[in-house]
N, C-alpha and C. Protein backbone atom coordinates (compact mmCIF):
# COMPACT_ATOMS: atom_id res chain seq x y z
N MET A 1 29.66 18.11 78.49
CA MET A 1 29.49 16.93 77.86
C MET A 1 28.43 17.12 76.66
N HIS A 2 29.02 15.98 75.81
CA HIS A 2 28.18 16.05 74.57
C HIS A 2 27.82 15.29 74.75
N SER A 3 26.29 15.37 74.18
CA SER A 3 25.04 14.43 74.23
C SER A 3 25.89 13.53 72.86
N ALA A 4 25.43 12.10 72.85
CA ALA A 4 25.76 11.04 71.92
C ALA A 4 24.53 11.29 70.85
N VAL A 5 24.92 11.22 69.56
CA VAL A 5 24.46 11.28 68.11
C VAL A 5 24.07 10.07 67.90
N SER A 6 22.79 9.38 67.70
CA SER A 6 22.77 8.32 66.96
C SER A 6 22.65 8.26 65.32
N VAL A 7 23.63 7.42 64.80
CA VAL A 7 23.09 7.63 63.64
C VAL A 7 22.71 6.34 62.68
N HIS A 8 21.86 6.23 61.97
CA HIS A 8 20.86 4.81 61.94
C HIS A 8 21.05 4.82 60.13
N PRO A 9 21.87 3.51 59.53
CA PRO A 9 22.02 3.13 59.06
C PRO A 9 20.83 3.77 57.07
N VAL A 10 21.50 4.30 56.58
CA VAL A 10 20.35 4.46 55.32
C VAL A 10 20.32 2.91 54.89
N SER A 11 18.95 2.76 54.77
CA SER A 11 18.07 1.81 54.17
C SER A 11 18.75 1.46 53.15
N ARG A 12 19.13 0.56 52.27
CA ARG A 12 19.45 -0.11 50.97
C ARG A 12 18.03 -1.22 50.22
N PRO A 13 17.61 -0.94 49.32
CA PRO A 13 16.88 -1.74 48.91
C PRO A 13 17.87 -3.01 48.80
N ARG A 14 17.31 -4.38 48.82
CA ARG A 14 17.36 -5.57 48.49
C ARG A 14 17.95 -5.67 47.23
N ALA A 15 18.89 -6.84 47.07
CA ALA A 15 19.08 -6.90 45.64
C ALA A 15 17.93 -7.42 44.57
N SER A 16 17.20 -7.84 45.15
CA SER A 16 16.19 -8.60 44.53
C SER A 16 14.85 -7.24 44.20
N GLN A 17 14.90 -6.37 45.09
CA GLN A 17 14.02 -5.23 44.80
C GLN A 17 14.83 -4.50 43.86
N ARG A 18 15.64 -3.75 43.69
CA ARG A 18 17.03 -3.50 42.43
C ARG A 18 16.73 -4.37 41.11
N SER A 19 16.75 -5.64 41.24
CA SER A 19 16.48 -6.61 40.11
C SER A 19 15.62 -6.31 39.49
N ARG A 20 14.13 -6.29 40.38
CA ARG A 20 13.20 -5.90 39.40
C ARG A 20 12.87 -4.75 39.31
N ARG A 21 13.15 -3.34 39.73
CA ARG A 21 13.00 -2.28 39.23
C ARG A 21 13.61 -2.41 38.04
N GLY A 22 15.31 -2.89 37.74
CA GLY A 22 15.68 -2.75 36.73
C GLY A 22 14.81 -2.93 35.54
N VAL A 23 14.65 -4.26 35.76
CA VAL A 23 13.64 -5.22 34.83
C VAL A 23 12.38 -4.05 34.38
N ALA A 24 12.06 -3.45 35.49
CA ALA A 24 10.74 -2.78 34.48
C ALA A 24 11.03 -1.63 33.80
N VAL A 25 12.71 -0.74 34.36
CA VAL A 25 12.93 0.02 33.84
C VAL A 25 13.02 -0.20 32.32
N LEU A 26 14.20 -1.29 31.90
CA LEU A 26 14.29 -2.27 31.24
C LEU A 26 12.72 -2.09 30.23
N LEU A 27 11.82 -2.89 30.63
CA LEU A 27 10.84 -2.95 29.72
C LEU A 27 10.19 -2.23 29.44
N GLN A 28 10.12 -1.31 30.24
CA GLN A 28 9.37 0.40 29.88
C GLN A 28 10.28 0.97 28.54
N ALA A 29 11.07 1.17 28.32
CA ALA A 29 12.08 1.57 27.71
C ALA A 29 11.79 0.90 26.52
N LEU A 30 11.60 -0.98 26.31
CA LEU A 30 11.31 -1.22 24.85
C LEU A 30 10.20 -1.33 24.44
N LEU A 31 9.42 -0.96 25.82
CA LEU A 31 7.96 -0.83 24.80
C LEU A 31 7.81 0.75 24.21
N LEU A 32 8.55 1.62 24.50
CA LEU A 32 8.48 2.90 23.90
C LEU A 32 8.95 2.83 22.68
N MET A 33 10.27 2.15 22.49
CA MET A 33 11.13 1.86 21.97
C MET A 33 10.56 1.08 20.44
N ALA A 34 9.31 0.46 20.94
CA ALA A 34 8.72 -0.61 19.61
C ALA A 34 7.76 0.33 19.28
N LEU A 35 7.18 1.38 19.89
CA LEU A 35 5.80 1.76 19.68
C LEU A 35 6.72 2.84 18.78
N TRP A 36 7.86 3.44 19.07
CA TRP A 36 8.32 4.53 17.96
C TRP A 36 8.86 3.75 16.45
N LEU A 37 9.05 2.31 17.00
CA LEU A 37 10.08 1.62 15.77
C LEU A 37 8.66 1.95 14.78
N VAL A 38 7.55 1.22 15.10
CA VAL A 38 6.35 0.46 14.85
C VAL A 38 5.92 1.29 13.75
N PRO A 39 5.89 1.19 12.31
CA PRO A 39 5.29 1.85 11.38
C PRO A 39 4.01 2.06 11.18
N ALA A 40 3.58 2.95 10.26
CA ALA A 40 2.44 3.39 10.02
C ALA A 40 1.45 1.56 9.52
N ALA A 41 0.38 1.72 9.73
CA ALA A 41 -0.44 0.76 9.20
C ALA A 41 0.40 0.18 7.17
N ARG A 42 0.31 -0.81 7.01
CA ARG A 42 0.49 -0.71 5.14
C ARG A 42 -0.27 -0.98 4.87
N ALA A 43 -0.45 -0.49 3.05
CA ALA A 43 -1.72 -0.98 3.04
C ALA A 43 -1.61 -2.31 1.69
N ALA A 44 -2.26 -3.20 1.79
CA ALA A 44 -1.93 -4.02 0.92
C ALA A 44 -0.97 -4.35 -0.29
N ASP A 45 -0.13 -5.13 -0.64
CA ASP A 45 0.40 -5.20 -1.72
C ASP A 45 0.30 -4.87 -3.07
N PRO A 46 0.76 -3.99 -3.68
CA PRO A 46 -0.10 -3.94 -4.96
C PRO A 46 0.21 -5.18 -6.29
N GLN A 47 -0.78 -5.21 -6.53
CA GLN A 47 -0.88 -6.73 -7.62
C GLN A 47 -0.60 -6.49 -9.04
N LEU A 48 -0.47 -7.60 -10.10
CA LEU A 48 -0.65 -7.39 -11.38
C LEU A 48 -1.61 -7.99 -11.52
N ALA A 49 -2.53 -6.72 -12.28
CA ALA A 49 -4.37 -7.12 -13.00
C ALA A 49 -3.75 -7.98 -14.02
N SER A 50 -2.88 -7.66 -14.60
CA SER A 50 -2.62 -8.55 -15.98
C SER A 50 -1.61 -8.21 -16.41
N PHE A 51 -1.04 -8.63 -17.03
CA PHE A 51 0.56 -9.06 -17.57
C PHE A 51 0.92 -9.77 -18.82
N GLU A 52 1.34 -9.19 -19.57
CA GLU A 52 1.61 -10.47 -20.79
C GLU A 52 2.71 -10.02 -22.00
N VAL A 53 3.44 -11.30 -22.12
CA VAL A 53 4.70 -11.05 -22.96
C VAL A 53 4.87 -11.55 -24.04
N VAL A 54 5.05 -10.52 -25.22
CA VAL A 54 4.95 -11.28 -26.51
C VAL A 54 6.41 -10.88 -27.27
N SER A 55 6.47 -12.06 -27.64
CA SER A 55 7.58 -12.17 -28.98
C SER A 55 7.20 -12.32 -30.36
N ASN A 56 7.61 -11.09 -31.14
CA ASN A 56 6.89 -11.45 -32.56
C ASN A 56 8.30 -10.76 -33.60
N GLU A 57 7.58 -10.45 -34.91
CA GLU A 57 8.36 -9.94 -35.58
C GLU A 57 8.80 -8.26 -35.74
N GLU A 58 8.10 -7.64 -34.21
CA GLU A 58 8.24 -6.47 -33.98
C GLU A 58 9.30 -6.25 -32.26
N GLY A 59 9.60 -7.35 -31.99
CA GLY A 59 10.40 -7.60 -31.08
C GLY A 59 9.94 -8.39 -29.64
N VAL A 60 10.54 -8.12 -28.77
CA VAL A 60 9.66 -8.59 -27.42
C VAL A 60 9.14 -7.48 -26.41
N LEU A 61 7.57 -7.66 -26.69
CA LEU A 61 6.60 -6.62 -25.94
C LEU A 61 6.17 -6.97 -25.19
N VAL A 62 5.98 -5.70 -24.01
CA VAL A 62 5.30 -6.56 -22.66
C VAL A 62 3.63 -5.52 -22.59
N THR A 63 2.94 -5.74 -22.21
CA THR A 63 1.40 -5.22 -21.77
C THR A 63 1.30 -5.75 -20.08
N TYR A 64 0.89 -4.52 -18.95
CA TYR A 64 1.05 -4.88 -17.88
C TYR A 64 -0.33 -4.04 -17.25
N ALA A 65 -1.09 -4.43 -16.15
CA ALA A 65 -1.36 -3.26 -15.53
C ALA A 65 -0.97 -3.47 -13.72
N VAL A 66 -0.52 -2.77 -13.09
CA VAL A 66 -0.41 -2.87 -11.69
C VAL A 66 -1.78 -2.45 -10.91
N ASN A 67 -2.08 -2.52 -9.90
CA ASN A 67 -3.40 -2.66 -9.05
C ASN A 67 -2.80 -2.33 -7.85
N GLY A 68 -2.33 -1.48 -6.78
CA GLY A 68 -2.34 -0.93 -5.94
C GLY A 68 -3.09 0.10 -4.87
N GLU A 69 -2.27 0.38 -3.83
CA GLU A 69 -3.11 1.31 -2.78
C GLU A 69 -1.80 1.90 -2.32
N LEU A 70 -1.58 3.16 -1.93
CA LEU A 70 -0.42 3.68 -1.11
C LEU A 70 -0.90 3.62 0.22
N SER A 71 0.49 3.03 1.06
CA SER A 71 -0.18 3.28 2.25
C SER A 71 -0.26 4.53 2.91
N ARG A 72 -0.36 4.81 4.23
CA ARG A 72 -0.61 6.43 4.61
C ARG A 72 0.37 7.08 4.69
N SER A 73 1.17 6.51 4.77
CA SER A 73 2.64 7.34 5.10
C SER A 73 2.91 8.05 3.34
N VAL A 74 3.06 7.27 2.46
CA VAL A 74 2.98 7.72 1.37
C VAL A 74 1.36 8.66 0.50
N ASP A 75 0.50 8.37 1.17
CA ASP A 75 -0.52 9.02 0.71
C ASP A 75 0.23 10.80 1.22
N ASP A 76 0.11 10.58 2.49
CA ASP A 76 0.26 11.30 3.53
C ASP A 76 1.11 12.86 2.50
N ALA A 77 2.97 11.71 1.63
CA ALA A 77 3.71 12.97 1.34
C ALA A 77 3.36 13.59 0.11
N LEU A 78 2.28 12.54 -0.36
CA LEU A 78 1.94 13.04 -1.92
C LEU A 78 0.54 14.04 -1.85
N SER A 79 0.02 14.15 -1.02
CA SER A 79 -0.47 15.06 -0.76
C SER A 79 -0.38 16.68 -0.04
N LYS A 80 0.92 16.31 0.16
CA LYS A 80 2.00 17.64 1.10
C LYS A 80 2.25 17.92 -0.44
N ALA A 81 2.19 17.79 -1.67
CA ALA A 81 3.20 18.11 -2.94
C ALA A 81 4.63 17.31 -2.90
N VAL A 82 4.98 16.19 -2.37
CA VAL A 82 6.03 15.42 -2.53
C VAL A 82 6.23 14.89 -3.66
N PRO A 83 6.39 15.32 -4.56
CA PRO A 83 7.18 14.43 -5.92
C PRO A 83 7.19 12.97 -5.60
N LEU A 84 6.63 11.84 -6.55
CA LEU A 84 6.93 10.69 -6.02
C LEU A 84 7.46 9.85 -7.63
N TYR A 85 8.48 8.94 -7.54
CA TYR A 85 8.61 8.54 -8.43
C TYR A 85 8.99 6.70 -9.07
N PHE A 86 8.20 6.16 -9.91
CA PHE A 86 7.31 4.99 -9.69
C PHE A 86 8.72 4.79 -11.25
N VAL A 87 9.13 3.51 -11.10
CA VAL A 87 10.08 2.54 -12.13
C VAL A 87 9.78 1.65 -12.33
N ALA A 88 9.20 1.34 -14.00
CA ALA A 88 8.71 -0.40 -14.38
C ALA A 88 10.33 -0.26 -15.08
N GLU A 89 10.91 -1.73 -15.05
CA GLU A 89 12.07 -2.39 -15.41
C GLU A 89 11.20 -3.23 -15.71
N ALA A 90 12.74 -3.72 -16.91
CA ALA A 90 12.35 -5.21 -17.62
C ALA A 90 13.60 -5.51 -17.85
N ASP A 91 14.19 -7.05 -18.14
CA ASP A 91 15.25 -7.61 -18.37
C ASP A 91 15.29 -8.52 -19.14
N LEU A 92 15.64 -9.26 -20.00
CA LEU A 92 15.81 -10.20 -21.20
C LEU A 92 16.95 -10.78 -20.78
N PHE A 93 16.98 -12.29 -20.25
CA PHE A 93 17.80 -13.39 -20.00
C PHE A 93 17.62 -14.25 -21.17
N ARG A 94 18.75 -14.78 -21.46
CA ARG A 94 19.12 -15.81 -23.12
C ARG A 94 19.90 -16.73 -21.76
N ASP A 95 18.96 -18.00 -21.49
CA ASP A 95 19.98 -19.12 -20.77
C ASP A 95 21.05 -19.17 -21.34
N ARG A 96 22.17 -19.76 -20.06
CA ARG A 96 23.74 -20.51 -20.90
C ARG A 96 23.82 -21.62 -19.83
N TRP A 97 23.82 -22.86 -20.16
CA TRP A 97 24.21 -24.12 -19.17
C TRP A 97 25.70 -23.70 -18.78
N TYR A 98 26.71 -22.79 -19.28
CA TYR A 98 28.16 -23.14 -19.37
C TYR A 98 28.46 -21.95 -18.33
N TRP A 99 27.78 -20.74 -18.17
CA TRP A 99 28.13 -19.50 -17.29
C TRP A 99 26.85 -19.06 -16.75
N ARG A 100 26.89 -18.03 -16.55
CA ARG A 100 25.47 -17.22 -16.07
C ARG A 100 24.56 -16.62 -16.94
N ASP A 101 22.94 -16.43 -16.72
CA ASP A 101 22.48 -15.97 -17.56
C ASP A 101 22.76 -15.04 -18.25
N LEU A 102 22.71 -14.97 -19.87
CA LEU A 102 23.21 -13.80 -20.44
C LEU A 102 21.61 -12.49 -20.66
N ARG A 103 22.58 -11.46 -19.78
CA ARG A 103 21.33 -10.50 -19.97
C ARG A 103 21.31 -9.62 -21.39
N VAL A 104 20.22 -9.97 -22.47
CA VAL A 104 20.45 -9.05 -23.75
C VAL A 104 19.66 -8.15 -23.72
N ALA A 105 19.17 -7.66 -23.00
CA ALA A 105 18.22 -6.02 -23.06
C ALA A 105 17.69 -5.98 -21.56
N ASN A 106 17.61 -4.37 -21.69
CA ASN A 106 17.18 -3.78 -20.07
C ASN A 106 16.04 -2.43 -20.89
N ALA A 107 15.40 -2.73 -20.07
CA ALA A 107 14.61 -1.18 -20.34
C ALA A 107 13.72 -0.65 -19.37
N VAL A 108 14.04 0.76 -19.09
CA VAL A 108 13.54 1.33 -17.26
C VAL A 108 12.42 2.22 -18.33
N ARG A 109 11.17 3.01 -17.58
CA ARG A 109 10.35 3.75 -17.64
C ARG A 109 10.04 4.54 -16.19
N ILE A 110 10.58 5.68 -16.30
CA ILE A 110 10.43 6.30 -14.63
C ILE A 110 8.95 7.36 -15.18
N TRP A 111 8.15 7.60 -13.85
CA TRP A 111 7.05 8.89 -13.93
C TRP A 111 7.38 8.79 -12.72
N ARG A 112 6.95 10.59 -12.62
CA ARG A 112 6.75 11.16 -11.49
C ARG A 112 5.72 11.88 -11.51
N ILE A 113 5.41 11.67 -10.28
CA ILE A 113 3.73 12.60 -10.07
C ILE A 113 3.96 13.08 -8.81
N VAL A 114 3.22 14.84 -9.16
CA VAL A 114 3.14 15.47 -7.50
C VAL A 114 1.65 16.19 -7.77
N TYR A 115 1.50 16.52 -6.94
CA TYR A 115 0.15 17.07 -6.14
C TYR A 115 0.19 18.48 -6.77
N GLN A 116 -0.13 19.30 -7.14
CA GLN A 116 -0.53 20.47 -6.98
C GLN A 116 -1.76 21.22 -6.31
N PRO A 117 -1.08 21.80 -5.52
CA PRO A 117 -2.26 22.31 -4.16
C PRO A 117 -3.16 23.57 -5.14
N LEU A 118 -2.95 24.50 -5.43
CA LEU A 118 -3.27 25.26 -6.32
C LEU A 118 -4.19 25.28 -7.48
N THR A 119 -3.75 24.07 -7.85
CA THR A 119 -5.13 23.58 -8.89
C THR A 119 -5.51 22.31 -8.52
N SER A 120 -5.58 22.11 -7.40
CA SER A 120 -5.69 20.69 -6.90
C SER A 120 -5.74 19.50 -8.23
N THR A 121 -5.34 19.63 -8.49
CA THR A 121 -4.98 18.91 -9.97
C THR A 121 -3.35 17.64 -10.06
N TYR A 122 -3.11 16.80 -10.74
CA TYR A 122 -1.95 16.02 -10.14
C TYR A 122 -1.01 15.98 -11.62
N ARG A 123 -0.05 15.90 -11.44
CA ARG A 123 1.03 16.09 -12.87
C ARG A 123 1.78 15.19 -12.85
N VAL A 124 2.09 14.93 -14.22
CA VAL A 124 2.62 13.56 -14.01
C VAL A 124 3.39 13.67 -15.20
N THR A 125 4.60 13.17 -15.06
CA THR A 125 5.60 13.46 -15.72
C THR A 125 6.63 12.36 -16.12
N PHE A 126 6.62 12.51 -17.60
CA PHE A 126 7.25 11.33 -18.38
C PHE A 126 7.89 11.51 -19.46
N GLY A 127 9.70 11.03 -19.46
CA GLY A 127 9.92 10.93 -21.18
C GLY A 127 9.93 12.70 -21.35
N GLY A 128 9.95 13.37 -20.22
CA GLY A 128 10.39 15.21 -20.37
C GLY A 128 8.75 15.79 -20.83
N LEU A 129 7.55 14.63 -21.23
CA LEU A 129 6.36 15.84 -21.18
C LEU A 129 5.37 15.88 -19.93
N SER A 130 4.98 16.44 -19.78
CA SER A 130 3.81 16.55 -18.31
C SER A 130 2.24 16.72 -19.27
N GLN A 131 1.61 16.31 -18.22
CA GLN A 131 0.21 16.09 -17.86
C GLN A 131 -0.65 16.48 -16.61
N ASN A 132 -1.45 17.31 -16.83
CA ASN A 132 -2.32 17.05 -15.80
C ASN A 132 -3.74 16.78 -15.94
N TYR A 133 -4.12 15.88 -13.90
CA TYR A 133 -5.34 14.83 -14.30
C TYR A 133 -6.10 15.44 -13.06
N ASN A 134 -7.15 15.55 -13.11
CA ASN A 134 -7.71 16.33 -12.47
C ASN A 134 -7.94 15.39 -11.26
N SER A 135 -7.48 14.12 -11.14
CA SER A 135 -8.10 13.23 -9.93
C SER A 135 -6.72 12.48 -9.55
N ARG A 136 -6.56 11.90 -8.50
CA ARG A 136 -5.69 10.64 -8.23
C ARG A 136 -5.64 9.56 -9.40
N GLU A 137 -6.49 9.23 -8.96
CA GLU A 137 -7.03 7.67 -10.13
C GLU A 137 -6.79 8.23 -10.93
N GLU A 138 -7.46 9.20 -12.22
CA GLU A 138 -6.56 9.50 -13.73
C GLU A 138 -4.80 8.95 -13.24
N ALA A 139 -4.53 9.97 -12.88
CA ALA A 139 -2.95 9.80 -12.80
C ALA A 139 -2.86 8.47 -12.52
N PHE A 140 -2.43 7.88 -11.81
CA PHE A 140 -2.51 7.23 -11.37
C PHE A 140 -2.90 5.26 -12.68
N ALA A 141 -3.74 5.80 -13.10
CA ALA A 141 -4.19 4.92 -13.87
C ALA A 141 -3.13 5.25 -15.63
N ALA A 142 -2.52 6.13 -15.24
CA ALA A 142 -1.29 6.47 -16.35
C ALA A 142 -0.30 5.71 -16.32
N ILE A 143 0.01 6.26 -15.12
CA ILE A 143 1.40 5.30 -14.63
C ILE A 143 1.28 4.53 -14.00
N SER A 144 0.55 3.30 -14.23
CA SER A 144 0.51 2.30 -13.59
C SER A 144 -0.11 1.02 -14.58
N ARG A 145 -0.09 1.25 -16.52
CA ARG A 145 0.43 0.14 -16.89
C ARG A 145 0.50 0.87 -18.52
N THR A 146 0.71 -0.10 -18.85
CA THR A 146 1.24 -0.09 -20.22
C THR A 146 1.28 -1.11 -21.20
N SER A 147 1.00 -0.44 -22.34
CA SER A 147 0.44 -1.72 -23.48
C SER A 147 1.79 -1.80 -24.55
N ARG A 148 2.16 -2.67 -24.97
CA ARG A 148 3.16 -3.07 -25.96
C ARG A 148 4.58 -2.03 -26.11
N TRP A 149 4.96 -2.18 -24.99
CA TRP A 149 6.23 -1.69 -24.43
C TRP A 149 7.45 -2.72 -24.87
N LYS A 150 7.74 -2.18 -25.80
CA LYS A 150 8.88 -2.65 -26.26
C LYS A 150 10.06 -3.12 -25.60
N ILE A 151 10.81 -4.17 -25.36
CA ILE A 151 11.79 -4.41 -24.23
C ILE A 151 12.75 -4.88 -25.24
N ALA A 152 12.53 -5.33 -26.48
CA ALA A 152 13.79 -5.87 -27.06
C ALA A 152 13.90 -5.81 -28.82
N GLU A 153 14.50 -5.54 -29.40
CA GLU A 153 14.72 -5.81 -30.67
C GLU A 153 14.26 -7.31 -31.56
N PRO A 154 13.85 -7.86 -32.38
CA PRO A 154 13.52 -9.33 -32.89
C PRO A 154 14.74 -9.69 -33.31
N GLY A 155 16.05 -9.05 -33.51
CA GLY A 155 17.40 -9.88 -33.27
C GLY A 155 18.59 -10.06 -31.95
N GLN A 156 17.72 -9.54 -31.26
CA GLN A 156 18.34 -9.63 -29.43
C GLN A 156 17.59 -11.00 -29.37
N VAL A 157 16.58 -11.19 -29.72
CA VAL A 157 16.22 -12.78 -29.69
C VAL A 157 17.25 -14.33 -30.47
N ALA A 158 17.38 -14.93 -29.86
CA ALA A 158 18.43 -15.69 -30.99
C ALA A 158 17.55 -17.07 -30.81
N ASP A 159 17.37 -17.31 -32.20
CA ASP A 159 16.65 -18.63 -32.75
C ASP A 159 17.46 -19.92 -31.75
N GLY A 160 16.84 -20.88 -31.35
CA GLY A 160 17.00 -21.81 -30.94
C GLY A 160 17.62 -21.89 -29.41
N SER A 161 17.25 -20.50 -29.16
CA SER A 161 18.19 -20.46 -27.49
C SER A 161 16.47 -20.31 -26.76
N ARG A 162 16.63 -20.51 -24.74
CA ARG A 162 15.38 -20.22 -24.37
C ARG A 162 15.63 -18.71 -23.68
N HIS A 163 14.82 -17.86 -23.05
CA HIS A 163 14.64 -16.43 -22.92
C HIS A 163 13.45 -16.24 -22.00
N TYR A 164 14.23 -15.60 -21.19
CA TYR A 164 12.71 -14.99 -19.88
C TYR A 164 12.58 -13.46 -19.55
N LEU A 165 11.91 -13.37 -19.03
CA LEU A 165 11.88 -11.81 -18.98
C LEU A 165 11.71 -11.70 -17.14
N GLU A 166 12.12 -10.67 -16.52
CA GLU A 166 12.43 -10.51 -14.83
C GLU A 166 12.08 -9.24 -15.95
N PHE A 167 10.54 -8.63 -14.80
CA PHE A 167 9.57 -7.50 -14.86
C PHE A 167 9.76 -6.86 -12.92
N SER A 168 9.43 -6.04 -12.86
CA SER A 168 9.87 -5.23 -11.63
C SER A 168 8.68 -4.03 -11.69
N TYR A 169 8.06 -3.40 -11.04
CA TYR A 169 6.79 -2.04 -11.08
C TYR A 169 7.03 -1.33 -9.47
N ARG A 170 8.06 -0.43 -9.46
CA ARG A 170 8.12 -0.09 -7.98
C ARG A 170 8.22 1.60 -7.68
N LEU A 171 7.84 1.86 -6.22
CA LEU A 171 8.25 3.53 -5.78
C LEU A 171 9.44 3.43 -5.39
N ASP A 172 10.14 4.46 -6.14
CA ASP A 172 11.93 4.12 -6.20
C ASP A 172 12.09 5.31 -4.58
N THR A 173 12.17 5.23 -4.26
CA THR A 173 12.85 6.18 -2.56
C THR A 173 13.80 6.52 -3.42
N SER A 174 15.06 5.24 -3.51
CA SER A 174 16.10 6.82 -3.82
C SER A 174 16.32 7.76 -4.62
N LEU A 175 14.83 8.38 -5.52
CA LEU A 175 15.06 9.59 -6.21
C LEU A 175 14.23 10.32 -5.67
N LEU A 176 13.74 10.42 -4.60
CA LEU A 176 13.12 10.87 -3.49
C LEU A 176 14.21 12.05 -2.79
N PRO A 177 13.88 13.23 -2.86
CA PRO A 177 14.81 14.60 -2.07
C PRO A 177 15.55 13.40 -0.97
N ARG A 178 16.60 14.05 -0.75
CA ARG A 178 18.06 13.07 0.13
C ARG A 178 17.14 13.36 1.41
N PRO A 179 17.02 14.36 2.76
CA PRO A 179 16.93 14.43 3.61
C PRO A 179 15.41 13.75 3.80
N MET A 180 14.63 12.88 2.99
CA MET A 180 13.19 12.07 2.83
C MET A 180 13.63 10.61 3.26
N GLN A 181 14.84 10.51 2.00
CA GLN A 181 15.33 9.35 2.20
C GLN A 181 15.93 8.91 3.73
N ILE A 182 16.92 9.66 3.68
CA ILE A 182 17.03 9.84 5.62
C ILE A 182 16.25 9.08 6.39
N GLY A 183 14.61 10.09 6.24
CA GLY A 183 13.91 10.04 7.46
C GLY A 183 13.23 9.07 7.15
N ILE A 184 12.77 7.88 5.95
CA ILE A 184 12.17 6.92 5.72
C ILE A 184 12.73 5.59 5.97
N GLY A 185 14.05 5.71 5.48
CA GLY A 185 15.14 4.96 5.65
C GLY A 185 14.48 3.49 6.46
N GLY A 186 14.05 2.57 5.86
CA GLY A 186 13.86 1.18 6.72
C GLY A 186 12.14 1.40 7.15
N GLN A 187 11.77 1.89 6.45
CA GLN A 187 10.14 1.71 6.66
C GLN A 187 9.83 1.10 6.19
N ALA A 188 8.68 0.11 6.43
CA ALA A 188 8.22 -0.99 5.65
C ALA A 188 7.17 -0.22 4.72
N ASP A 189 6.65 0.79 5.41
CA ASP A 189 5.32 1.37 4.85
C ASP A 189 5.47 2.13 3.10
N TRP A 190 6.94 2.14 3.08
CA TRP A 190 6.86 2.71 1.97
C TRP A 190 7.69 1.55 0.79
N ASN A 191 7.67 0.50 0.97
CA ASN A 191 8.13 -0.75 -0.48
C ASN A 191 6.26 -0.52 -0.54
N TYR A 192 6.98 -0.09 -2.27
CA TYR A 192 5.42 -0.45 -2.97
C TYR A 192 6.39 -1.65 -4.10
N SER A 193 6.21 -2.42 -4.61
CA SER A 193 6.74 -3.48 -5.79
C SER A 193 6.16 -4.32 -5.78
N VAL A 194 6.44 -4.38 -7.35
CA VAL A 194 5.38 -6.33 -7.30
C VAL A 194 6.62 -6.38 -8.70
N GLN A 195 6.45 -8.11 -8.94
CA GLN A 195 7.41 -8.86 -9.46
C GLN A 195 7.10 -9.59 -10.74
N ARG A 196 7.85 -9.95 -11.34
CA ARG A 196 7.01 -11.34 -12.06
C ARG A 196 8.22 -11.57 -13.20
N VAL A 197 8.92 -12.95 -13.42
CA VAL A 197 9.51 -13.63 -14.41
C VAL A 197 8.59 -14.28 -14.82
N GLN A 198 8.85 -14.26 -16.43
CA GLN A 198 8.09 -15.19 -17.16
C GLN A 198 9.13 -15.93 -18.52
N ARG A 199 8.71 -17.18 -18.89
CA ARG A 199 9.69 -17.48 -19.63
C ARG A 199 8.86 -17.01 -21.21
N ILE A 200 9.70 -16.75 -22.51
CA ILE A 200 9.34 -16.17 -23.31
C ILE A 200 8.94 -16.99 -24.60
N ASN A 201 10.32 -17.77 -24.44
CA ASN A 201 10.24 -19.71 -25.17
C ASN A 201 11.01 -20.83 -24.85
């Protein structure tokens, strides 16, 4: 005669317990994701220490100086010999009441800066010419200020019309190596730019 085998039902957590556990797991996942997505602390946004636009018999001339600090991520990349590109761009527009304002001139300057570990110097390339600097401060002084940069010829400024200039200075991440562009996509600490709009007449 077989002895009776008692079968005890498996205890299952109540719905409320399952719900609390699910919420806890979700919150933990969200916290980990937030920590992963938070970028390194950003440096203060760059500022225009000086900015002047002159329109005379030589044309439209711009003089400026940018002050700013690189974020930790950008500074680390530079110290590891990753070349960085800084771009100054100026657009001259003429007011038009009947249509979109007319862009009558555009000027762009690009600097490439790279740290050279073997010589502990910074190499700046601009317009096909290169120069070495012993310190980062000297190198950035060379690329972050310009005097009497000609944006337009005198004939491009029409008499009796109103004009204004749109200026920007930025770190251009689109010129970085492609794998880096993918890696830093959307990271705010790589945003280094300053803009100014100024009327000239």
